[in-house]
C-alpha cells in the first residue's frame, strides 16, 4: 500500500463555511472522500489539517524521514513562513516529491497573496482549480510511483 500525505494549513478546516465564493461549499471531509474515490486501490490518502505551524512542520519532517510524497496547501503560511519552507525543503531535497496546491488562484487575489516562499522548492505548483488542484497533484504523484 502506498501513502500520499495531503497537508492543509490554517483556516482550511473552515472549508464549506469560509468564503464559499472563493473556496466553494465543500468541506475537508468532502475533499477526503473525493481524493479517496480518485486514488487507485493501492494508494492510501492521509489527509490532515492544522492551524498550527509547528504541527505542519512536524508532519513534513515525518514525510521527509519516511519518503512519503506530499500534497501541501500551506494556506496563509505560503506567503511568509520560512520555517515551513525549510521543513518542505527537507522533503524535496531528499528526493521525495512535494506538490504545492491552492484551491483558488493566489495571483488573481490580493497582491500579498502573489508571493509564495514554498513554490521555489516545490516539485510543482497547481492552483486555481478548486479541489481539482488536489486531484491533479494526486494524478501526478500516482504516475511517479
N, C-alpha and C. Protein backbone atom coordinates (compact mmCIF):
# COMPACT_ATOMS: atom_id res chain seq x y z
N UNK A 1 0.84 -1.18 0.00
CA UNK A 1 0.00 0.00 0.00
C UNK A 1 0.89 1.25 0.00
N UNK A 2 0.64 2.16 -0.91
CA UNK A 2 1.35 3.43 -0.98
C UNK A 2 0.53 4.50 -0.27
N UNK A 3 1.20 5.44 0.36
CA UNK A 3 0.53 6.53 1.04
C UNK A 3 0.92 7.86 0.42
N UNK A 4 -0.06 8.75 0.28
CA UNK A 4 0.19 10.13 -0.11
C UNK A 4 -0.36 11.00 1.00
N UNK A 5 0.51 11.86 1.52
CA UNK A 5 0.16 12.75 2.61
C UNK A 5 -0.40 14.04 2.02
N UNK A 6 -1.60 14.41 2.44
CA UNK A 6 -2.26 15.63 1.96
C UNK A 6 -2.37 16.57 3.16
N UNK A 7 -1.53 17.60 3.17
CA UNK A 7 -1.43 18.50 4.31
C UNK A 7 -2.07 19.85 4.00
N UNK A 8 -2.86 20.33 4.93
CA UNK A 8 -3.58 21.59 4.77
C UNK A 8 -3.31 22.51 5.95
N UNK A 9 -3.00 23.75 5.64
CA UNK A 9 -2.65 24.73 6.65
C UNK A 9 -3.84 25.48 7.23
N UNK A 10 -3.54 26.65 7.80
CA UNK A 10 -4.51 27.39 8.60
C UNK A 10 -5.77 27.79 7.84
N UNK A 11 -6.86 27.71 8.57
CA UNK A 11 -8.20 28.11 8.14
C UNK A 11 -8.85 27.15 7.15
N UNK A 12 -8.11 26.16 6.66
CA UNK A 12 -8.71 25.23 5.71
C UNK A 12 -9.67 24.25 6.41
N UNK A 13 -9.60 24.17 7.71
CA UNK A 13 -10.60 23.42 8.47
C UNK A 13 -11.96 24.08 8.42
N UNK A 14 -12.01 25.31 7.93
CA UNK A 14 -13.26 26.08 7.82
C UNK A 14 -13.87 25.99 6.41
N UNK A 15 -13.26 25.15 5.57
CA UNK A 15 -13.83 24.99 4.22
C UNK A 15 -15.30 24.62 4.32
N UNK A 16 -16.07 25.14 3.40
CA UNK A 16 -17.50 24.92 3.41
C UNK A 16 -18.25 26.08 4.01
N UNK A 17 -17.63 26.75 4.98
CA UNK A 17 -18.27 27.92 5.59
C UNK A 17 -17.43 29.19 5.40
N UNK A 18 -16.16 29.05 5.14
CA UNK A 18 -15.28 30.20 4.96
C UNK A 18 -15.27 30.65 3.49
N UNK A 19 -15.72 31.83 3.24
CA UNK A 19 -15.71 32.42 1.91
C UNK A 19 -16.05 31.41 0.81
N UNK A 20 -17.28 30.88 0.81
CA UNK A 20 -17.65 29.89 -0.20
C UNK A 20 -17.56 30.43 -1.63
N UNK A 21 -17.62 31.74 -1.79
CA UNK A 21 -17.47 32.32 -3.13
C UNK A 21 -16.04 32.15 -3.65
N UNK A 22 -15.08 31.99 -2.75
CA UNK A 22 -13.68 31.79 -3.13
C UNK A 22 -13.31 30.31 -3.08
N UNK A 23 -13.72 29.62 -2.01
CA UNK A 23 -13.26 28.26 -1.74
C UNK A 23 -14.30 27.18 -2.01
N UNK A 24 -15.53 27.57 -2.32
CA UNK A 24 -16.58 26.60 -2.58
C UNK A 24 -17.33 26.20 -1.32
N UNK A 25 -18.33 25.37 -1.50
CA UNK A 25 -19.21 24.97 -0.39
C UNK A 25 -18.80 23.64 0.24
N UNK A 26 -17.86 22.93 -0.36
CA UNK A 26 -17.44 21.63 0.16
C UNK A 26 -16.46 21.80 1.32
N UNK A 27 -16.44 20.82 2.21
CA UNK A 27 -15.55 20.88 3.37
C UNK A 27 -14.41 19.85 3.24
N UNK A 28 -13.57 19.77 4.27
CA UNK A 28 -12.43 18.86 4.22
C UNK A 28 -12.84 17.39 4.10
N UNK A 29 -13.93 17.02 4.73
CA UNK A 29 -14.38 15.63 4.60
C UNK A 29 -14.81 15.34 3.17
N UNK A 30 -15.39 16.34 2.51
CA UNK A 30 -15.73 16.19 1.10
C UNK A 30 -14.46 16.02 0.27
N UNK A 31 -13.43 16.79 0.60
CA UNK A 31 -12.15 16.66 -0.10
C UNK A 31 -11.57 15.27 0.12
N UNK A 32 -11.61 14.80 1.35
CA UNK A 32 -11.09 13.45 1.66
C UNK A 32 -11.82 12.39 0.83
N UNK A 33 -13.14 12.45 0.81
CA UNK A 33 -13.93 11.48 0.06
C UNK A 33 -13.61 11.56 -1.43
N UNK A 34 -13.46 12.75 -1.94
CA UNK A 34 -13.14 12.95 -3.35
C UNK A 34 -11.79 12.33 -3.70
N UNK A 35 -10.78 12.59 -2.89
CA UNK A 35 -9.44 12.06 -3.17
C UNK A 35 -9.39 10.54 -3.01
N UNK A 36 -10.06 10.02 -2.01
CA UNK A 36 -10.09 8.58 -1.81
C UNK A 36 -10.76 7.91 -3.02
N UNK A 37 -11.84 8.51 -3.52
CA UNK A 37 -12.53 7.95 -4.69
C UNK A 37 -11.66 8.02 -5.95
N UNK A 38 -10.82 9.04 -6.05
CA UNK A 38 -9.96 9.24 -7.22
C UNK A 38 -8.67 8.41 -7.16
N UNK A 39 -8.27 8.03 -5.96
CA UNK A 39 -6.99 7.31 -5.79
C UNK A 39 -7.14 5.85 -6.21
N UNK A 40 -6.08 5.29 -6.80
CA UNK A 40 -6.10 3.86 -7.09
C UNK A 40 -6.24 3.06 -5.79
N UNK A 41 -6.67 1.82 -5.91
CA UNK A 41 -6.92 0.98 -4.73
C UNK A 41 -5.69 0.77 -3.86
N UNK A 42 -4.50 0.85 -4.45
CA UNK A 42 -3.28 0.62 -3.67
C UNK A 42 -2.69 1.89 -3.07
N UNK A 43 -3.45 3.00 -3.12
CA UNK A 43 -2.98 4.27 -2.57
C UNK A 43 -3.87 4.69 -1.40
N UNK A 44 -3.23 4.98 -0.28
CA UNK A 44 -3.92 5.50 0.90
C UNK A 44 -3.75 7.01 0.93
N UNK A 45 -4.84 7.71 1.13
CA UNK A 45 -4.82 9.17 1.28
C UNK A 45 -4.82 9.47 2.78
N UNK A 46 -3.78 10.14 3.24
CA UNK A 46 -3.67 10.56 4.64
C UNK A 46 -3.83 12.08 4.66
N UNK A 47 -5.07 12.53 4.82
CA UNK A 47 -5.39 13.96 4.77
C UNK A 47 -5.41 14.53 6.18
N UNK A 48 -4.69 15.63 6.35
CA UNK A 48 -4.60 16.28 7.67
C UNK A 48 -4.75 17.79 7.50
N UNK A 49 -5.19 18.45 8.56
CA UNK A 49 -5.30 19.91 8.57
C UNK A 49 -4.91 20.41 9.94
N UNK A 50 -4.20 21.55 9.96
CA UNK A 50 -3.86 22.19 11.22
C UNK A 50 -3.75 23.69 11.03
N UNK A 51 -4.04 24.40 12.09
CA UNK A 51 -3.81 25.84 12.12
C UNK A 51 -2.46 26.15 12.78
N UNK A 52 -1.76 25.11 13.19
CA UNK A 52 -0.51 25.23 13.95
C UNK A 52 0.70 25.00 13.03
N UNK A 53 1.50 26.02 12.88
CA UNK A 53 2.68 25.95 12.01
C UNK A 53 3.65 24.85 12.45
N UNK A 54 3.86 24.71 13.74
CA UNK A 54 4.80 23.71 14.25
C UNK A 54 4.31 22.30 13.92
N UNK A 55 3.01 22.06 14.06
CA UNK A 55 2.48 20.73 13.75
C UNK A 55 2.66 20.42 12.26
N UNK A 56 2.40 21.39 11.41
CA UNK A 56 2.58 21.20 9.97
C UNK A 56 4.05 20.89 9.65
N UNK A 57 4.96 21.58 10.31
CA UNK A 57 6.39 21.31 10.12
C UNK A 57 6.75 19.90 10.57
N UNK A 58 6.21 19.45 11.69
CA UNK A 58 6.49 18.09 12.17
C UNK A 58 5.99 17.04 11.18
N UNK A 59 4.83 17.29 10.59
CA UNK A 59 4.31 16.36 9.58
C UNK A 59 5.24 16.30 8.37
N UNK A 60 5.77 17.46 7.98
CA UNK A 60 6.72 17.48 6.86
C UNK A 60 8.01 16.76 7.22
N UNK A 61 8.47 16.92 8.45
CA UNK A 61 9.67 16.19 8.90
C UNK A 61 9.43 14.69 8.78
N UNK A 62 8.25 14.24 9.20
CA UNK A 62 7.91 12.83 9.11
C UNK A 62 7.88 12.34 7.67
N UNK A 63 7.35 13.18 6.78
CA UNK A 63 7.31 12.82 5.35
C UNK A 63 8.72 12.72 4.79
N UNK A 64 9.59 13.63 5.21
CA UNK A 64 10.98 13.58 4.75
C UNK A 64 11.65 12.29 5.23
N UNK A 65 11.44 11.94 6.48
CA UNK A 65 12.06 10.74 7.04
C UNK A 65 11.53 9.46 6.42
N UNK A 66 10.24 9.43 6.13
CA UNK A 66 9.62 8.21 5.58
C UNK A 66 9.56 8.20 4.06
N UNK A 67 10.01 9.30 3.44
CA UNK A 67 9.97 9.42 1.96
C UNK A 67 8.54 9.31 1.43
N UNK A 68 7.60 9.91 2.14
CA UNK A 68 6.20 9.91 1.74
C UNK A 68 5.90 11.13 0.88
N UNK A 69 5.36 10.94 -0.33
CA UNK A 69 5.01 12.08 -1.18
C UNK A 69 3.97 12.97 -0.50
N UNK A 70 4.05 14.27 -0.79
CA UNK A 70 3.20 15.25 -0.11
C UNK A 70 2.47 16.13 -1.12
N UNK A 71 1.19 16.32 -0.85
CA UNK A 71 0.41 17.39 -1.47
C UNK A 71 0.20 18.40 -0.35
N UNK A 72 0.70 19.62 -0.55
CA UNK A 72 0.70 20.63 0.52
C UNK A 72 -0.06 21.88 0.09
N UNK A 73 -1.10 22.20 0.84
CA UNK A 73 -1.75 23.50 0.72
C UNK A 73 -1.35 24.27 1.97
N UNK A 74 -0.30 25.10 1.86
CA UNK A 74 0.18 25.80 3.05
C UNK A 74 -0.70 26.95 3.49
N UNK A 75 -1.73 27.29 2.68
CA UNK A 75 -2.66 28.37 3.00
C UNK A 75 -1.88 29.65 3.29
N UNK A 76 -2.23 30.37 4.34
CA UNK A 76 -1.58 31.66 4.61
C UNK A 76 -0.08 31.53 4.86
N UNK A 77 0.37 30.35 5.32
CA UNK A 77 1.82 30.16 5.53
C UNK A 77 2.60 30.25 4.22
N UNK A 78 1.91 30.09 3.11
CA UNK A 78 2.52 30.18 1.78
C UNK A 78 3.36 31.43 1.63
N UNK A 79 2.88 32.52 2.16
CA UNK A 79 3.40 33.85 1.83
C UNK A 79 4.54 34.33 2.71
N UNK A 80 4.78 33.64 3.84
CA UNK A 80 5.77 34.20 4.74
C UNK A 80 6.52 33.19 5.61
N UNK A 81 6.13 31.93 5.62
CA UNK A 81 6.71 31.01 6.59
C UNK A 81 7.99 30.36 6.06
N UNK A 82 9.10 30.98 6.42
CA UNK A 82 10.40 30.41 6.05
C UNK A 82 10.68 29.13 6.83
N UNK A 83 10.12 29.01 8.01
CA UNK A 83 10.26 27.77 8.78
C UNK A 83 9.57 26.62 8.06
N UNK A 84 8.38 26.87 7.53
CA UNK A 84 7.68 25.84 6.77
C UNK A 84 8.43 25.51 5.48
N UNK A 85 8.98 26.54 4.84
CA UNK A 85 9.79 26.31 3.64
C UNK A 85 10.96 25.40 3.95
N UNK A 86 11.66 25.65 5.07
CA UNK A 86 12.80 24.82 5.44
C UNK A 86 12.38 23.38 5.67
N UNK A 87 11.21 23.17 6.29
CA UNK A 87 10.72 21.82 6.51
C UNK A 87 10.35 21.16 5.18
N UNK A 88 9.72 21.90 4.29
CA UNK A 88 9.35 21.36 2.97
C UNK A 88 10.60 21.05 2.15
N UNK A 89 11.63 21.86 2.31
CA UNK A 89 12.89 21.62 1.59
C UNK A 89 13.49 20.28 1.97
N UNK A 90 13.33 19.88 3.24
CA UNK A 90 13.85 18.58 3.66
C UNK A 90 13.17 17.44 2.91
N UNK A 91 11.91 17.64 2.54
CA UNK A 91 11.19 16.62 1.76
C UNK A 91 11.78 16.56 0.36
N UNK A 92 11.82 17.69 -0.32
CA UNK A 92 12.22 17.68 -1.74
C UNK A 92 13.71 17.44 -1.94
N UNK A 93 14.55 17.96 -1.05
CA UNK A 93 15.99 17.73 -1.19
C UNK A 93 16.34 16.28 -0.94
N UNK A 94 15.46 15.57 -0.24
CA UNK A 94 15.65 14.15 -0.03
C UNK A 94 15.15 13.31 -1.19
N UNK A 95 14.66 13.98 -2.22
CA UNK A 95 14.22 13.28 -3.42
C UNK A 95 12.75 12.87 -3.42
N UNK A 96 12.00 13.31 -2.43
CA UNK A 96 10.58 12.98 -2.36
C UNK A 96 9.78 14.14 -2.94
N UNK A 97 8.80 13.85 -3.80
CA UNK A 97 8.02 14.93 -4.40
C UNK A 97 7.09 15.61 -3.41
N UNK A 98 6.97 16.92 -3.56
CA UNK A 98 6.05 17.74 -2.79
C UNK A 98 5.38 18.69 -3.78
N UNK A 99 4.06 18.60 -3.88
CA UNK A 99 3.31 19.45 -4.79
C UNK A 99 2.56 20.49 -3.95
N UNK A 100 2.81 21.76 -4.26
CA UNK A 100 2.10 22.86 -3.61
C UNK A 100 0.78 23.05 -4.35
N UNK A 101 -0.33 23.07 -3.61
CA UNK A 101 -1.63 23.28 -4.23
C UNK A 101 -2.37 24.42 -3.54
N UNK A 102 -3.25 25.03 -4.32
CA UNK A 102 -4.16 26.06 -3.81
C UNK A 102 -5.51 25.89 -4.47
N UNK A 103 -6.55 26.04 -3.69
CA UNK A 103 -7.92 25.92 -4.20
C UNK A 103 -8.22 27.09 -5.13
N UNK A 104 -7.89 28.28 -4.68
CA UNK A 104 -8.09 29.48 -5.50
C UNK A 104 -6.78 29.80 -6.23
N UNK A 105 -6.83 30.77 -7.09
CA UNK A 105 -5.62 31.24 -7.77
C UNK A 105 -5.08 32.44 -7.00
N UNK A 106 -4.01 32.27 -6.24
CA UNK A 106 -3.49 33.38 -5.44
C UNK A 106 -3.11 34.60 -6.27
N UNK A 107 -2.75 34.40 -7.53
CA UNK A 107 -2.34 35.52 -8.38
C UNK A 107 -3.52 36.35 -8.87
N UNK A 108 -4.73 35.85 -8.68
CA UNK A 108 -5.93 36.59 -9.06
C UNK A 108 -6.56 37.26 -7.84
N UNK A 109 -5.85 37.25 -6.73
CA UNK A 109 -6.39 37.79 -5.48
C UNK A 109 -5.53 38.96 -5.00
N UNK A 110 -5.60 39.28 -3.74
CA UNK A 110 -4.86 40.41 -3.18
C UNK A 110 -3.37 40.26 -3.45
N UNK A 111 -2.69 41.38 -3.61
CA UNK A 111 -1.27 41.35 -4.01
C UNK A 111 -0.39 40.62 -2.99
N UNK A 112 -0.73 40.66 -1.71
CA UNK A 112 0.12 39.98 -0.72
C UNK A 112 0.09 38.46 -0.93
N UNK A 113 -0.91 37.96 -1.64
CA UNK A 113 -1.02 36.51 -1.89
C UNK A 113 -0.21 36.08 -3.11
N UNK A 114 0.37 37.01 -3.84
CA UNK A 114 1.09 36.68 -5.08
C UNK A 114 2.44 36.01 -4.83
N UNK A 115 2.98 36.16 -3.65
CA UNK A 115 4.29 35.59 -3.34
C UNK A 115 4.15 34.28 -2.58
N UNK A 116 4.93 33.29 -2.99
CA UNK A 116 5.00 32.02 -2.26
C UNK A 116 6.45 31.73 -1.93
N UNK A 117 6.71 31.48 -0.65
CA UNK A 117 8.06 31.08 -0.25
C UNK A 117 8.24 29.57 -0.43
N UNK A 118 7.18 28.86 -0.78
CA UNK A 118 7.20 27.41 -0.95
C UNK A 118 7.47 27.02 -2.41
N UNK A 119 6.93 27.79 -3.35
CA UNK A 119 6.96 27.40 -4.77
C UNK A 119 8.35 27.06 -5.29
N UNK A 120 9.34 27.82 -4.88
CA UNK A 120 10.70 27.62 -5.41
C UNK A 120 11.27 26.25 -5.08
N UNK A 121 10.86 25.69 -3.96
CA UNK A 121 11.42 24.39 -3.56
C UNK A 121 10.45 23.23 -3.82
N UNK A 122 9.22 23.55 -4.22
CA UNK A 122 8.23 22.50 -4.51
C UNK A 122 8.57 21.82 -5.83
N UNK A 123 8.17 20.57 -5.94
CA UNK A 123 8.32 19.83 -7.19
C UNK A 123 7.47 20.47 -8.28
N UNK A 124 6.29 20.96 -7.90
CA UNK A 124 5.39 21.63 -8.81
C UNK A 124 4.33 22.40 -8.03
N UNK A 125 3.61 23.26 -8.75
CA UNK A 125 2.57 24.09 -8.13
C UNK A 125 1.31 23.99 -9.00
N UNK A 126 0.17 23.76 -8.34
CA UNK A 126 -1.12 23.70 -9.03
C UNK A 126 -2.08 24.58 -8.26
N UNK A 127 -2.70 25.54 -8.94
CA UNK A 127 -3.57 26.49 -8.24
C UNK A 127 -4.75 26.90 -9.12
N UNK A 128 -5.85 27.20 -8.45
CA UNK A 128 -6.97 27.82 -9.12
C UNK A 128 -8.03 26.88 -9.64
N UNK A 129 -7.93 25.59 -9.37
CA UNK A 129 -8.87 24.62 -9.91
C UNK A 129 -9.77 24.00 -8.85
N UNK A 130 -9.93 24.68 -7.71
CA UNK A 130 -10.74 24.12 -6.65
C UNK A 130 -10.14 22.82 -6.15
N UNK A 131 -10.99 21.86 -5.79
CA UNK A 131 -10.49 20.56 -5.32
C UNK A 131 -9.75 19.81 -6.42
N UNK A 132 -10.00 20.17 -7.67
CA UNK A 132 -9.26 19.53 -8.76
C UNK A 132 -7.77 19.83 -8.70
N UNK A 133 -7.36 20.91 -8.03
CA UNK A 133 -5.93 21.15 -7.83
C UNK A 133 -5.30 19.97 -7.10
N UNK A 134 -6.00 19.46 -6.08
CA UNK A 134 -5.52 18.30 -5.34
C UNK A 134 -5.52 17.05 -6.23
N UNK A 135 -6.59 16.87 -7.02
CA UNK A 135 -6.69 15.69 -7.87
C UNK A 135 -5.58 15.67 -8.91
N UNK A 136 -5.28 16.83 -9.49
CA UNK A 136 -4.19 16.90 -10.46
C UNK A 136 -2.86 16.53 -9.81
N UNK A 137 -2.64 17.00 -8.59
CA UNK A 137 -1.42 16.65 -7.85
C UNK A 137 -1.40 15.14 -7.56
N UNK A 138 -2.53 14.61 -7.15
CA UNK A 138 -2.64 13.17 -6.88
C UNK A 138 -2.32 12.36 -8.14
N UNK A 139 -2.89 12.77 -9.27
CA UNK A 139 -2.63 12.06 -10.53
C UNK A 139 -1.14 12.03 -10.83
N UNK A 140 -0.48 13.16 -10.66
CA UNK A 140 0.95 13.22 -10.93
C UNK A 140 1.73 12.29 -9.99
N UNK A 141 1.44 12.35 -8.70
CA UNK A 141 2.18 11.53 -7.74
C UNK A 141 1.95 10.05 -7.97
N UNK A 142 0.74 9.66 -8.33
CA UNK A 142 0.45 8.26 -8.62
C UNK A 142 1.27 7.78 -9.80
N UNK A 143 1.38 8.61 -10.83
CA UNK A 143 2.15 8.22 -12.00
C UNK A 143 3.64 8.09 -11.68
N UNK A 144 4.14 8.85 -10.70
CA UNK A 144 5.56 8.77 -10.33
C UNK A 144 5.92 7.47 -9.63
N UNK A 145 4.99 6.95 -8.86
CA UNK A 145 5.30 5.79 -8.01
C UNK A 145 5.28 4.49 -8.76
